[in-house]
């Protein structure tokens, strides 16, 4: 007798039931017991805080500029007549650079000299006239005395005496005028000589000369341009010496002095320079102090970027640590000290630095063990070993 085949719907029900039973068993299975595993302490490298001496140096950025530079101007106005030099040309001190049309200034100088000569001649004339006037006045005084001795009884005698007296007064007036002219001659001559010298200087000022030996960097006006007095017309540089220029903070500049030697680094080369000037009052805008150090130019161009190593005063018996032990984070500076196998995060104040070593002013004690590197990935209280 043949068995009846199982209906398809019963087969489907059977499969669904089996799946449900499996899911139920998975959901209700017990959780495995968690086992706590103790991690070994983190291995770190440490270094002890030690006392030592340090000769700190500080690297500052700056640039090179000429030891001397001048923005030259005419002191008189006029039309540019000659360009006697061009940019890039080297000149000696006193060399003529530019020349204005100086005809008017030359005429004024000639006129002033002529007036001075006329005045000198007039003074000599007045001196001689004064001598004559003194003699005439003396003779006339004698005549008046003679007329007075003759008496004034008659009309003719009185008339002669009055005429003699009037003539004496006239001669006295002429003498006084000439004496004043002679006595004031020195002042008049001084004024006219000053005018002559001024006219001569103005004529000379129509030619611009080099105040020092150097190189012409640029010329502004062209031939035929009208130039006003005090307008910058030419830039002159003395490139025989260069000057390292930098701006420093108050603490750094207080540790330097004029005459001190520093190393200037330019394009991989090092040059010894002498501090020429140290600003003692800060710039009102940047509140920085200018440093200028000069050295002989070995062929460098002005304007190049440069760095200088500043040798600061030697420090004796200070707490030293490697720079790699210091962590900078969110404006704070700290180190990690290993204490009884745990890390302690300590805020520190840094002092000067020399190479890979820095001074720790506060925060640690002599002999304490610091994590020497990798502090940025550590945390306070972490168990470590070394």
Protein backbone atom coordinates (compact mmCIF):
# COMPACT_ATOMS: atom_id res chain seq x y z
CA UNK A 1 0.00 0.00 0.00
CA UNK A 2 1.56 3.33 -1.04
CA UNK A 3 2.07 6.23 1.46
CA UNK A 4 0.42 9.48 0.68
CA UNK A 5 2.86 12.27 -0.18
CA UNK A 6 3.23 15.09 2.41
CA UNK A 7 1.41 18.18 1.32
CA UNK A 8 3.69 21.11 0.35
CA UNK A 9 2.08 23.40 2.86
CA UNK A 10 3.03 21.10 5.71
CA UNK A 11 6.61 21.07 4.52
CA UNK A 12 6.75 24.89 4.60
CA UNK A 13 5.32 24.97 8.12
CA UNK A 14 7.94 22.50 9.23
CA UNK A 15 10.82 24.56 7.84
CA UNK A 16 9.54 27.80 9.43
CA UNK A 17 9.21 26.07 12.75
CA UNK A 18 12.76 24.78 12.61
CA UNK A 19 14.09 28.31 11.81
CA UNK A 20 12.11 29.82 14.69
CA UNK A 21 13.46 27.23 17.11
CA UNK A 22 17.04 28.00 16.02
CA UNK A 23 16.55 31.78 16.40
CA UNK A 24 15.00 31.28 19.83
CA UNK A 25 17.91 29.17 20.96
CA UNK A 26 20.41 31.86 19.77
CA UNK A 27 18.56 34.67 21.55
CA UNK A 28 18.29 32.80 24.83
CA UNK A 29 21.79 31.34 25.00
CA UNK A 30 23.74 32.46 28.13
CA UNK A 31 26.44 35.17 27.81
CA UNK A 32 30.01 33.87 28.17
CA UNK A 33 31.74 34.94 31.36
CA UNK A 34 34.04 38.00 30.83
CA UNK A 35 37.61 37.53 31.91
CA UNK A 36 39.53 40.64 33.12
CA UNK A 37 43.01 40.86 31.59
CA UNK A 38 45.57 43.13 33.28
CA UNK A 39 47.69 44.98 30.70
CA UNK A 40 51.39 45.27 31.43
CA UNK A 41 52.73 48.76 32.29
CA UNK A 42 53.72 50.90 29.31
CA UNK A 43 57.41 50.88 28.58
CA UNK A 44 58.89 54.40 28.44
CA UNK A 45 62.34 55.94 28.19
CA UNK A 46 63.25 58.34 31.00
CA UNK A 47 65.95 60.86 31.76
CA UNK A 48 66.89 62.40 35.10
CA UNK A 49 66.77 66.14 35.75
CA UNK A 50 70.38 67.23 36.16
CA UNK A 51 72.27 70.37 37.11
CA UNK A 52 74.64 71.78 34.53
CA UNK A 53 76.07 74.85 32.85
CA UNK A 54 74.70 76.23 29.59
CA UNK A 55 75.93 78.74 27.04
CA UNK A 56 72.58 79.56 25.40
CA UNK A 57 72.21 80.89 21.89
CA UNK A 58 69.14 82.31 20.24
CA UNK A 59 68.42 82.26 16.52
CA UNK A 60 66.64 85.38 15.22
CA UNK A 61 65.44 86.21 11.72
CA UNK A 62 66.26 89.46 9.94
CA UNK A 63 67.56 90.80 6.66
CA UNK A 64 70.61 92.50 5.15
CA UNK A 65 70.74 96.18 4.27
CA UNK A 66 73.50 98.66 3.38
CA UNK A 67 75.60 100.02 6.23
CA UNK A 68 74.89 103.51 4.84
CA UNK A 69 72.08 104.65 2.61
CA UNK A 70 70.96 108.17 1.74
CA UNK A 71 67.93 109.68 0.05
CA UNK A 72 69.55 112.70 -1.59
CA UNK A 73 67.74 115.96 -2.31
CA UNK A 74 68.52 119.31 -3.91
CA UNK A 75 68.33 122.22 -1.49
CA UNK A 76 67.29 124.55 -4.31
CA UNK A 77 64.69 124.22 -7.05
CA UNK A 78 65.40 124.13 -10.75
CA UNK A 79 65.30 122.17 -13.99
CA UNK A 80 67.45 119.04 -14.24
CA UNK A 81 70.16 119.79 -16.80
CA UNK A 82 72.58 116.83 -16.44
CA UNK A 83 72.58 113.25 -15.14
CA UNK A 84 76.27 112.67 -14.50
CA UNK A 85 75.77 109.09 -13.15
CA UNK A 86 73.37 106.20 -13.65
CA UNK A 87 72.04 103.42 -11.33
CA UNK A 88 74.62 100.77 -10.52
CA UNK A 89 77.53 103.17 -10.93
CA UNK A 90 80.06 103.42 -8.10
CA UNK A 91 81.15 106.92 -7.06
CA UNK A 92 83.67 108.41 -4.66
CA UNK A 93 82.87 110.88 -1.91
CA UNK A 94 82.28 114.35 -3.34
CA UNK A 95 81.60 113.09 -6.88
CA UNK A 96 79.08 115.15 -8.90
CA UNK A 97 75.86 113.25 -9.47
CA UNK A 98 73.15 115.55 -10.88
CA UNK A 99 73.15 119.19 -12.00
CA UNK A 100 70.35 121.73 -12.29
CA UNK A 101 70.30 124.69 -14.65
CA UNK A 102 72.28 127.08 -12.43
CA UNK A 103 72.43 130.21 -14.61
CA UNK A 104 70.02 132.15 -12.39
CA UNK A 105 71.95 131.19 -9.25
CA UNK A 106 75.22 132.14 -10.92
CA UNK A 107 73.81 135.55 -11.85
CA UNK A 108 72.63 136.12 -8.30
CA UNK A 109 76.07 135.20 -7.02
CA UNK A 110 77.76 137.59 -9.49
CA UNK A 111 75.38 140.38 -8.52
CA UNK A 112 76.00 139.83 -4.81
CA UNK A 113 79.77 139.91 -5.31
CA UNK A 114 79.53 143.15 -7.35
CA UNK A 115 77.44 144.82 -4.66
CA UNK A 116 79.96 143.75 -2.04
CA UNK A 117 82.81 145.27 -4.02
CA UNK A 118 80.86 148.52 -4.44
CA UNK A 119 80.20 148.67 -0.73
CA UNK A 120 83.87 148.09 0.08
CA UNK A 121 84.81 150.98 -2.21
CA UNK A 122 82.12 153.19 -0.63
CA UNK A 123 83.47 152.46 2.85
CA UNK A 124 86.99 153.51 1.83
CA UNK A 125 85.56 156.67 0.25
CA UNK A 126 83.63 157.55 3.42
CA UNK A 127 86.72 157.05 5.56
CA UNK A 128 88.64 159.58 3.48
CA UNK A 129 85.70 162.02 3.43
CA UNK A 130 85.45 161.70 7.20
CA UNK A 131 89.09 162.74 7.57
CA UNK A 132 88.43 165.81 5.36
CA UNK A 133 85.22 166.61 7.22
CA UNK A 134 87.06 166.49 10.55
CA UNK A 135 89.67 168.92 9.19
CA UNK A 136 87.05 171.34 7.75
CA UNK A 137 85.03 171.25 10.94
CA UNK A 138 88.16 172.14 12.96
CA UNK A 139 88.99 175.08 10.69
CA UNK A 140 85.43 176.35 10.86
CA UNK A 141 85.42 176.08 14.66
CA UNK A 142 88.52 178.28 14.68
CA UNK A 143 86.74 180.80 12.41
CA UNK A 144 83.74 180.93 14.74
CA UNK A 145 86.08 181.55 17.69
CA UNK A 146 87.85 184.31 15.75
CA UNK A 147 84.54 186.01 14.90
CA UNK A 148 83.46 185.83 18.51
CA UNK A 149 86.71 187.54 19.60
CA UNK A 150 86.12 190.34 17.11
CA UNK A 151 82.82 191.09 18.77
CA UNK A 152 79.34 191.70 17.37
CA UNK A 153 78.95 195.46 17.77
CA UNK A 154 78.40 196.17 14.12
CA UNK A 155 75.77 194.68 11.84
CA UNK A 156 78.47 193.25 9.59
CA UNK A 157 80.22 191.53 12.50
CA UNK A 158 77.00 189.92 13.69
CA UNK A 159 76.19 188.69 10.17
CA UNK A 160 79.67 187.19 9.71
CA UNK A 161 79.46 185.41 13.09
CA UNK A 162 76.04 183.92 12.27
CA UNK A 163 77.26 182.69 8.89
CA UNK A 164 80.35 181.14 10.51
CA UNK A 165 78.21 179.36 13.07
CA UNK A 166 75.79 178.02 10.39
CA UNK A 167 78.71 176.74 8.37
CA UNK A 168 80.12 175.00 11.46
CA UNK A 169 76.78 173.30 12.11
CA UNK A 170 76.63 172.07 8.50
CA UNK A 171 80.16 170.70 8.71
CA UNK A 172 79.37 168.97 12.02
CA UNK A 173 76.30 167.37 10.41
CA UNK A 174 78.31 166.11 7.45
CA UNK A 175 80.96 164.75 9.80
CA UNK A 176 78.34 162.91 11.91
CA UNK A 177 76.78 161.35 8.79
CA UNK A 178 80.16 160.15 7.54
CA UNK A 179 81.16 158.87 10.97
CA UNK A 180 77.96 156.86 11.20
CA UNK A 181 78.59 155.42 7.73
CA UNK A 182 82.15 154.44 8.68
CA UNK A 183 81.16 153.03 12.09
CA UNK A 184 78.31 150.93 10.63
CA UNK A 185 80.38 149.77 7.66
CA UNK A 186 81.39 146.52 9.41
CA UNK A 187 77.75 145.49 9.94
CA UNK A 188 76.79 146.35 6.36
CA UNK A 189 79.78 144.45 5.02
CA UNK A 190 78.95 141.42 7.17
CA UNK A 191 75.37 141.37 5.83
CA UNK A 192 76.51 141.73 2.24
CA UNK A 193 79.20 139.08 2.67
CA UNK A 194 76.56 136.74 4.10
CA UNK A 195 74.34 137.40 1.07
CA UNK A 196 77.30 136.73 -1.21
CA UNK A 197 78.14 133.45 0.54
CA UNK A 198 74.49 132.40 0.43
CA UNK A 199 74.27 133.16 -3.28
CA UNK A 200 77.50 131.21 -3.83
CA UNK A 201 76.19 128.24 -1.84
CA UNK A 202 72.92 128.23 -3.77
CA UNK A 203 74.90 128.21 -7.01
CA UNK A 204 76.93 125.28 -5.69
CA UNK A 205 73.73 123.54 -4.53
CA UNK A 206 72.58 123.39 -8.12
CA UNK A 207 75.05 120.48 -8.37
CA UNK A 208 74.30 117.40 -6.24
CA UNK A 209 77.38 115.62 -4.86
CA UNK A 210 77.91 112.28 -3.07
CA UNK A 211 78.16 112.62 0.74
CA UNK A 212 80.06 109.30 0.89
CA UNK A 213 81.55 106.73 -1.45
CA UNK A 214 78.93 104.28 -2.63
CA UNK A 215 76.76 102.88 -5.40
CA UNK A 216 73.93 104.76 -7.11
CA UNK A 217 70.78 102.70 -6.58
CA UNK A 218 68.16 104.79 -8.40
CA UNK A 219 67.58 108.23 -9.95
CA UNK A 220 64.04 109.60 -9.99
CA UNK A 221 63.88 112.72 -12.28
CA UNK A 222 64.63 112.68 -15.99
CA UNK A 223 66.49 115.35 -17.95
CA UNK A 224 64.37 118.47 -18.29
CA UNK A 225 62.17 117.68 -15.28
CA UNK A 226 61.45 120.50 -12.86
CA UNK A 227 62.75 119.57 -9.43
CA UNK A 228 61.46 121.12 -6.21
CA UNK A 229 63.71 121.69 -3.24
CA UNK A 230 63.64 118.81 -0.74
CA UNK A 231 62.30 116.29 -3.31
CA UNK A 232 64.17 112.97 -3.18
CA UNK A 233 66.01 112.66 -6.49
CA UNK A 234 68.69 109.97 -5.95
CA UNK A 235 69.33 107.01 -3.65
CA UNK A 236 72.95 106.25 -2.73
CA UNK A 237 74.08 103.03 -0.99
CA UNK A 238 77.36 102.12 0.68
CA UNK A 239 77.60 98.37 0.02
CA UNK A 240 81.19 97.94 1.18
CA UNK A 241 79.70 96.94 4.53
CA UNK A 242 76.38 95.22 5.10
CA UNK A 243 74.18 95.50 8.13
CA UNK A 244 72.14 92.66 9.64
CA UNK A 245 68.87 94.13 10.92
CA UNK A 246 66.45 92.34 13.26
CA UNK A 247 63.79 93.25 15.81
CA UNK A 248 64.09 91.63 19.24
CA UNK A 249 62.02 91.31 22.41
CA UNK A 250 62.94 93.12 25.61
CA UNK A 251 64.39 90.08 27.41
CA UNK A 252 66.75 89.22 24.54
CA UNK A 253 68.04 92.73 23.88
CA UNK A 254 68.76 93.21 27.59
CA UNK A 255 71.32 90.36 27.38
CA UNK A 256 73.28 91.88 24.47
CA UNK A 257 75.71 94.79 24.21
CA UNK A 258 77.32 96.98 21.55
CA UNK A 259 80.57 95.59 20.18
CA UNK A 260 79.50 91.98 20.75
CA UNK A 261 80.20 89.55 17.90
CA UNK A 262 77.37 87.45 16.43
CA UNK A 263 77.16 84.86 13.64
CA UNK A 264 75.06 85.85 10.63
CA UNK A 265 73.82 82.99 8.42
CA UNK A 266 73.04 83.72 4.75
CA UNK A 267 72.46 81.06 2.07
CA UNK A 268 74.29 78.39 4.05
CA UNK A 269 77.30 80.61 4.79
CA UNK A 270 78.23 82.12 8.17
CA UNK A 271 79.75 85.58 8.65
CA UNK A 272 80.98 87.22 11.84
CA UNK A 273 79.32 90.60 12.49
CA UNK A 274 79.72 93.19 15.25
CA UNK A 275 76.70 94.66 16.96
CA UNK A 276 76.75 98.31 15.94
CA UNK A 277 73.52 99.58 17.50
CA UNK A 278 70.95 98.36 20.04
CA UNK A 279 67.70 100.28 20.39
CA UNK A 280 67.04 101.12 24.03
CA UNK A 281 63.40 102.19 23.73
CA UNK A 282 60.91 100.04 21.83
CA UNK A 283 59.16 100.92 18.62
CA UNK A 284 55.75 102.37 19.60
CA UNK A 285 53.92 100.24 17.01
CA UNK A 286 55.61 96.83 17.30
CA UNK A 287 57.07 97.20 20.80
CA UNK A 288 60.28 95.57 19.58
CA UNK A 289 63.91 96.66 19.84
CA UNK A 290 66.08 97.03 16.73
CA UNK A 291 69.46 95.31 16.47
CA UNK A 292 72.02 96.32 13.82
CA UNK A 293 75.26 94.39 13.27
CA UNK A 294 77.82 95.20 10.55
CA UNK A 295 80.29 93.10 8.59
CA UNK A 296 82.40 93.47 5.45
CA UNK A 297 80.39 92.63 2.35
CA UNK A 298 81.77 89.48 0.69
CA UNK A 299 79.62 90.07 -2.39
CA UNK A 300 76.10 89.61 -0.99
CA UNK A 301 73.09 91.58 -2.18
CA UNK A 302 71.25 93.95 0.08
CA UNK A 303 67.74 92.85 1.04
CA UNK A 304 68.56 89.14 1.41
CA UNK A 305 66.90 87.24 4.27
CA UNK A 306 69.30 86.21 7.03
CA UNK A 307 69.45 84.66 10.49
CA UNK A 308 71.76 85.44 13.37
CA UNK A 309 72.90 83.30 16.27
CA UNK A 310 72.98 85.44 19.40
CA UNK A 311 75.33 84.27 22.15
CA UNK A 312 73.55 84.98 25.45
CA UNK A 313 75.17 85.13 28.92
CA UNK A 314 76.36 81.79 30.33
CA UNK A 315 74.09 80.04 32.86
CA UNK A 316 75.67 78.04 35.71
CA UNK A 317 74.17 75.11 37.64
CA UNK A 318 70.67 75.18 36.19
CA UNK A 319 68.17 72.30 35.81
CA UNK A 320 68.54 70.78 32.35
CA UNK A 321 66.32 68.44 30.33
CA UNK A 322 66.06 67.35 26.69
CA UNK A 323 63.75 69.42 24.51
CA UNK A 324 62.01 66.18 23.46
CA UNK A 325 60.70 65.75 27.04
CA UNK A 326 58.66 68.96 26.84
CA UNK A 327 55.07 68.84 25.58
CA UNK A 328 53.29 71.93 24.24
CA UNK A 329 49.50 71.73 24.22
CA UNK A 330 46.79 74.41 24.16
CA UNK A 331 49.11 77.16 25.32
CA UNK A 332 50.54 75.07 28.19
CA UNK A 333 54.00 73.61 28.59
CA UNK A 334 54.45 70.44 30.65
CA UNK A 335 56.48 67.26 31.21
CA UNK A 336 55.63 63.79 32.53
CA UNK A 337 57.40 62.74 35.74
CA UNK A 338 57.53 59.03 36.67
CA UNK A 339 56.61 58.68 40.36
CA UNK A 340 56.07 55.23 41.94
CA UNK A 341 55.42 53.68 38.53
CA UNK A 342 52.74 56.26 37.58
CA UNK A 343 52.92 59.34 35.38
CA UNK A 344 52.48 62.81 36.86
CA UNK A 345 51.72 65.67 34.48
CA UNK A 346 53.73 68.73 35.62
CA UNK A 347 53.41 72.25 34.26
CA UNK A 348 56.86 73.79 33.75
CA UNK A 349 58.34 77.16 32.86
CA UNK A 350 61.09 77.02 30.26
CA UNK A 351 64.32 79.00 30.25
CA UNK A 352 66.92 79.40 27.48
CA UNK A 353 67.64 76.61 25.03
CA UNK A 354 70.87 75.33 23.54
CA UNK A 355 70.60 72.75 20.79
CA UNK A 356 68.53 69.79 22.07
CA UNK A 357 68.74 70.88 25.72
CA UNK A 358 66.53 73.36 27.55
CA UNK A 359 66.44 74.90 31.02
CA UNK A 360 63.49 74.06 33.30
CA UNK A 361 62.90 77.00 35.62
CA UNK A 362 59.96 75.59 37.59
CA UNK A 363 57.89 72.43 37.97
CA UNK A 364 60.53 69.73 38.58
CA UNK A 365 63.20 68.90 41.13
CA UNK A 366 66.76 67.71 40.74
CA UNK A 367 67.00 63.94 40.09
CA UNK A 368 63.35 63.38 39.12
CA UNK A 369 62.79 61.01 36.19
CA UNK A 370 61.16 62.55 33.11
CA UNK A 371 59.71 60.74 30.11
CA UNK A 372 62.29 61.69 27.50
CA UNK A 373 60.05 61.54 24.41
CA UNK A 374 56.57 60.76 23.15
CA UNK A 375 54.81 62.68 25.90
CA UNK A 376 52.07 63.94 23.58
CA UNK A 377 50.45 60.45 23.55
CA UNK A 378 50.57 59.93 27.33
CA UNK A 379 48.12 60.84 30.10
CA UNK A 380 48.26 61.64 33.80
CA UNK A 381 48.15 58.58 36.11
CA UNK A 382 49.17 56.03 33.47
CA UNK A 383 51.21 53.07 34.78
CA UNK A 384 54.63 52.85 33.20
CA UNK A 385 57.95 51.14 33.62
CA UNK A 386 61.44 51.87 32.39
